[in-house]
Amino acid sequence: MPCRLLILDDHPMLMQGLARLVAEQPDLQVAGQFSSGEALLAWLPASNPAPADVLLLDLHLPGLDGLTLLSHLRQQWPGMRVLVFSTASTLELVERLQVLGASGFVPKSADADHLLAAIRAVYAGKHAFPHAYQPVTQQVPSNSNMAILHRLSAREREIIGLVRAGLTTRQIADRLSLAEFTVSTHRRNIMHKLELHNTAALVQFAHNHGLQ
């Protein structure tokens, strides 16, 4: 069965070109094309499963932005994998995409073969992030175990779970009725205790240890 692909991009010529490229692939088919997040949400059914396997998502959209949409899609339609296709490609952005549950990222400067390979990898249940960004999900120390968990306070474990859920520092502060500075301090202490260097590694730690 071919991969059912949705394309969300606000540039009509680019979207048409992508649709033609996909149409030439016997194992891929375009299930829908959208120019805004609102249009996509209006088309998707209210319940699972989503009528598509992979969403090719641009981040810079009119109205609902791509990051907010990504978070919503992963909660409402977890079975639909999201491959981000964007001009922005900073390390911080890619880490944020990983935290929010994207299955991959392809810069718009990539060639067609790279994009098609990423679509197929994501459809197969793999991650498709550029090689330069792969290590960020592999920075959990090898000695992560129950002894390390005991070094964390109950509040710190709670904050890690909220980070894993995709909440920002401000959202965590609001959720826990704390000052944003207090949450930032907790996060710095957590990273120091666990010897981690970025949010993606912290999310991976939370996943490995069941913190949610």
Protein backbone atom coordinates (compact mmCIF):
# COMPACT_ATOMS: atom_id res chain seq x y z
CA MET A 1 0.00 0.00 0.00
CA PRO A 2 1.50 3.37 -0.99
CA CYS A 3 2.31 6.02 1.57
CA ARG A 4 -0.52 8.56 1.77
CA LEU A 5 1.09 11.98 1.94
CA LEU A 6 -0.36 15.35 2.89
CA ILE A 7 1.43 18.54 1.81
CA LEU A 8 1.06 21.77 3.78
CA ASP A 9 2.82 24.80 2.31
CA ASP A 10 1.65 28.33 1.57
CA HIS A 11 3.65 28.62 -1.68
CA PRO A 12 1.42 27.25 -4.50
CA MET A 13 4.21 26.71 -7.04
CA LEU A 14 6.34 24.78 -4.56
CA MET A 15 3.38 22.68 -3.44
CA GLN A 16 2.49 21.88 -7.05
CA GLY A 17 6.08 20.87 -7.75
CA LEU A 18 6.12 18.60 -4.71
CA ALA A 19 2.84 17.03 -5.76
CA ARG A 20 4.22 16.28 -9.24
CA LEU A 21 7.38 14.78 -7.73
CA VAL A 22 5.35 12.52 -5.44
CA ALA A 23 2.99 11.51 -8.26
CA GLU A 24 5.97 10.08 -10.14
CA GLN A 25 6.72 7.66 -7.30
CA PRO A 26 4.84 4.34 -7.41
CA ASP A 27 5.03 3.91 -3.62
CA LEU A 28 3.78 7.41 -2.75
CA GLN A 29 0.53 9.25 -3.32
CA VAL A 30 -0.72 12.72 -2.47
CA ALA A 31 -3.81 12.48 -0.27
CA GLY A 32 -4.29 16.22 0.14
CA GLN A 33 -2.73 19.66 -0.35
CA PHE A 34 -3.27 22.61 1.99
CA SER A 35 -2.03 26.19 2.23
CA SER A 36 -2.82 26.79 5.91
CA GLY A 37 -3.04 24.90 9.18
CA GLU A 38 -6.67 25.88 9.55
CA ALA A 39 -7.51 24.30 6.20
CA LEU A 40 -5.79 21.07 7.20
CA LEU A 41 -7.57 20.88 10.56
CA ALA A 42 -10.92 21.50 8.88
CA TRP A 43 -10.24 18.58 6.52
CA LEU A 44 -9.00 16.08 9.10
CA PRO A 45 -11.63 13.97 10.87
CA ALA A 46 -12.32 14.62 14.54
CA SER A 47 -11.13 11.16 15.56
CA ASN A 48 -8.36 8.71 14.74
CA PRO A 49 -7.06 7.34 12.56
CA ALA A 50 -6.00 10.20 10.31
CA PRO A 51 -6.62 9.53 6.59
CA ALA A 52 -2.93 9.92 5.80
CA ASP A 53 0.39 8.42 6.85
CA VAL A 54 2.79 11.36 6.59
CA LEU A 55 2.38 15.12 6.63
CA LEU A 56 5.01 17.24 4.88
CA LEU A 57 4.86 20.42 6.94
CA ASP A 58 6.22 23.90 6.26
CA LEU A 59 6.68 25.95 9.45
CA HIS A 60 6.12 29.45 8.11
CA LEU A 61 2.39 29.57 7.54
CA PRO A 62 -0.29 32.24 7.60
CA GLY A 63 -2.45 32.10 10.72
CA LEU A 64 -1.68 29.03 12.80
CA ASP A 65 2.10 28.57 12.85
CA GLY A 66 3.77 25.27 12.09
CA LEU A 67 5.13 24.58 15.58
CA THR A 68 1.75 25.08 17.24
CA LEU A 69 0.14 22.92 14.57
CA LEU A 70 2.75 20.19 15.04
CA SER A 71 2.06 19.98 18.76
CA HIS A 72 -1.69 19.75 18.15
CA LEU A 73 -1.36 17.12 15.44
CA ARG A 74 0.84 14.87 17.56
CA GLN A 75 -1.73 14.94 20.35
CA GLN A 76 -4.84 14.53 18.21
CA TRP A 77 -3.53 12.23 15.44
CA PRO A 78 -0.44 10.46 16.85
CA GLY A 79 -0.52 7.87 14.10
CA MET A 80 0.19 10.47 11.42
CA ARG A 81 3.91 11.14 11.21
CA VAL A 82 5.13 14.66 10.54
CA LEU A 83 8.13 15.50 8.35
CA VAL A 84 9.06 19.19 8.56
CA PHE A 85 10.21 20.81 5.31
CA SER A 86 11.44 24.33 5.98
CA THR A 87 13.97 27.01 5.07
CA ALA A 88 14.92 27.48 8.74
CA SER A 89 17.45 24.92 9.94
CA THR A 90 19.07 25.97 13.21
CA LEU A 91 20.09 23.45 15.84
CA GLU A 92 17.66 25.03 18.30
CA LEU A 93 14.79 24.61 15.85
CA VAL A 94 15.58 20.97 15.14
CA GLU A 95 15.79 20.25 18.87
CA ARG A 96 12.40 21.90 19.33
CA LEU A 97 10.93 19.78 16.52
CA GLN A 98 12.21 16.64 18.20
CA VAL A 99 10.67 17.70 21.49
CA LEU A 100 7.31 18.32 19.81
CA GLY A 101 7.33 14.89 18.18
CA ALA A 102 8.31 15.50 14.56
CA SER A 103 9.61 12.38 12.81
CA GLY A 104 12.10 14.23 10.68
CA PHE A 105 13.35 17.47 9.19
CA VAL A 106 14.46 18.29 5.65
CA PRO A 107 15.74 21.75 4.71
CA LYS A 108 14.22 23.23 1.57
CA SER A 109 17.73 23.42 0.13
CA ALA A 110 17.81 19.60 -0.06
CA ASP A 111 17.53 17.82 -3.40
CA ALA A 112 14.59 15.68 -4.47
CA ASP A 113 16.28 12.37 -3.69
CA HIS A 114 17.00 13.51 -0.14
CA LEU A 115 13.38 14.54 0.39
CA LEU A 116 11.97 11.33 -1.05
CA ALA A 117 14.31 9.23 1.08
CA ALA A 118 13.19 11.13 4.18
CA ILE A 119 9.50 10.61 3.34
CA ARG A 120 10.07 6.88 2.92
CA ALA A 121 12.09 6.63 6.12
CA VAL A 122 9.42 8.42 8.14
CA TYR A 123 6.69 6.24 6.61
CA ALA A 124 8.71 3.19 7.70
CA GLY A 125 8.67 4.43 11.28
CA LYS A 126 12.22 5.81 11.34
CA HIS A 127 13.49 9.27 12.13
CA ALA A 128 14.87 11.43 9.35
CA PHE A 129 16.89 14.28 10.82
CA PRO A 130 20.04 15.61 9.13
CA HIS A 131 23.15 13.76 10.21
CA ALA A 132 24.57 16.90 11.84
CA TYR A 133 21.61 16.92 14.25
CA GLN A 134 21.43 13.20 15.03
CA PRO A 135 23.63 13.22 18.15
CA VAL A 136 21.27 15.48 20.09
CA THR A 137 19.00 12.53 20.84
CA GLN A 138 21.93 10.35 21.85
CA GLN A 139 23.46 12.49 24.57
CA VAL A 140 21.85 10.72 27.54
CA PRO A 141 24.75 9.49 29.70
CA SER A 142 25.35 5.76 29.68
CA ASN A 143 25.15 5.65 33.49
CA SER A 144 21.57 6.93 33.55
CA ASN A 145 19.86 4.68 36.09
CA MET A 146 17.80 4.74 39.25
CA ALA A 147 20.66 6.30 41.20
CA ILE A 148 20.46 9.36 38.98
CA LEU A 149 16.69 9.55 39.37
CA HIS A 150 17.12 9.62 43.15
CA ARG A 151 19.22 12.78 42.75
CA LEU A 152 16.19 14.59 41.35
CA SER A 153 13.59 16.18 43.58
CA ALA A 154 9.90 15.51 43.05
CA ARG A 155 9.53 19.01 41.58
CA GLU A 156 12.42 18.42 39.17
CA ARG A 157 10.89 15.12 38.00
CA GLU A 158 7.58 16.92 37.51
CA ILE A 159 9.25 19.61 35.40
CA ILE A 160 11.05 17.01 33.29
CA GLY A 161 7.70 15.37 32.54
CA LEU A 162 6.25 18.69 31.41
CA VAL A 163 9.27 19.39 29.22
CA ARG A 164 8.76 15.99 27.64
CA ALA A 165 5.13 16.95 26.97
CA GLY A 166 6.39 19.90 24.93
CA LEU A 167 5.63 22.76 27.34
CA THR A 168 7.82 25.86 27.30
CA THR A 169 9.35 27.35 30.44
CA ARG A 170 6.58 29.94 30.63
CA GLN A 171 3.86 27.31 30.17
CA ILE A 172 5.42 25.17 32.90
CA ALA A 173 5.52 28.19 35.21
CA ASP A 174 1.84 28.85 34.58
CA ARG A 175 0.93 25.18 35.06
CA LEU A 176 2.78 24.91 38.38
CA SER A 177 2.03 28.45 39.60
CA LEU A 178 5.73 29.27 39.77
CA ALA A 179 7.80 32.22 38.60
CA GLU A 180 9.36 31.73 35.17
CA PHE A 181 12.78 32.41 36.72
CA THR A 182 12.18 29.60 39.23
CA VAL A 183 11.41 27.13 36.47
CA SER A 184 14.49 28.24 34.53
CA THR A 185 16.60 27.65 37.64
CA HIS A 186 15.12 24.18 38.08
CA ARG A 187 15.88 23.37 34.45
CA ARG A 188 19.50 24.47 34.79
CA ASN A 189 19.88 22.36 37.92
CA ILE A 190 18.32 19.37 36.18
CA MET A 191 20.67 19.64 33.20
CA HIS A 192 23.65 19.92 35.55
CA LYS A 193 22.62 16.91 37.65
CA LEU A 194 21.99 14.73 34.60
CA GLU A 195 25.03 16.01 32.67
CA LEU A 196 22.85 16.86 29.66
CA HIS A 197 23.40 19.68 27.21
CA ASN A 198 20.12 20.35 25.42
CA THR A 199 16.37 19.90 25.61
CA ALA A 200 16.26 17.01 23.15
CA ALA A 201 18.60 14.98 25.37
CA LEU A 202 16.42 15.77 28.38
CA VAL A 203 13.32 14.57 26.52
CA GLN A 204 15.12 11.37 25.60
CA PHE A 205 16.10 10.89 29.26
CA ALA A 206 12.46 11.38 30.30
CA HIS A 207 11.34 8.84 27.72
CA ASN A 208 13.95 6.29 28.81
CA HIS A 209 12.95 6.63 32.47
CA GLY A 210 9.19 6.93 32.11
CA LEU A 211 8.97 10.50 33.38
CA GLN A 212 5.73 12.12 32.18
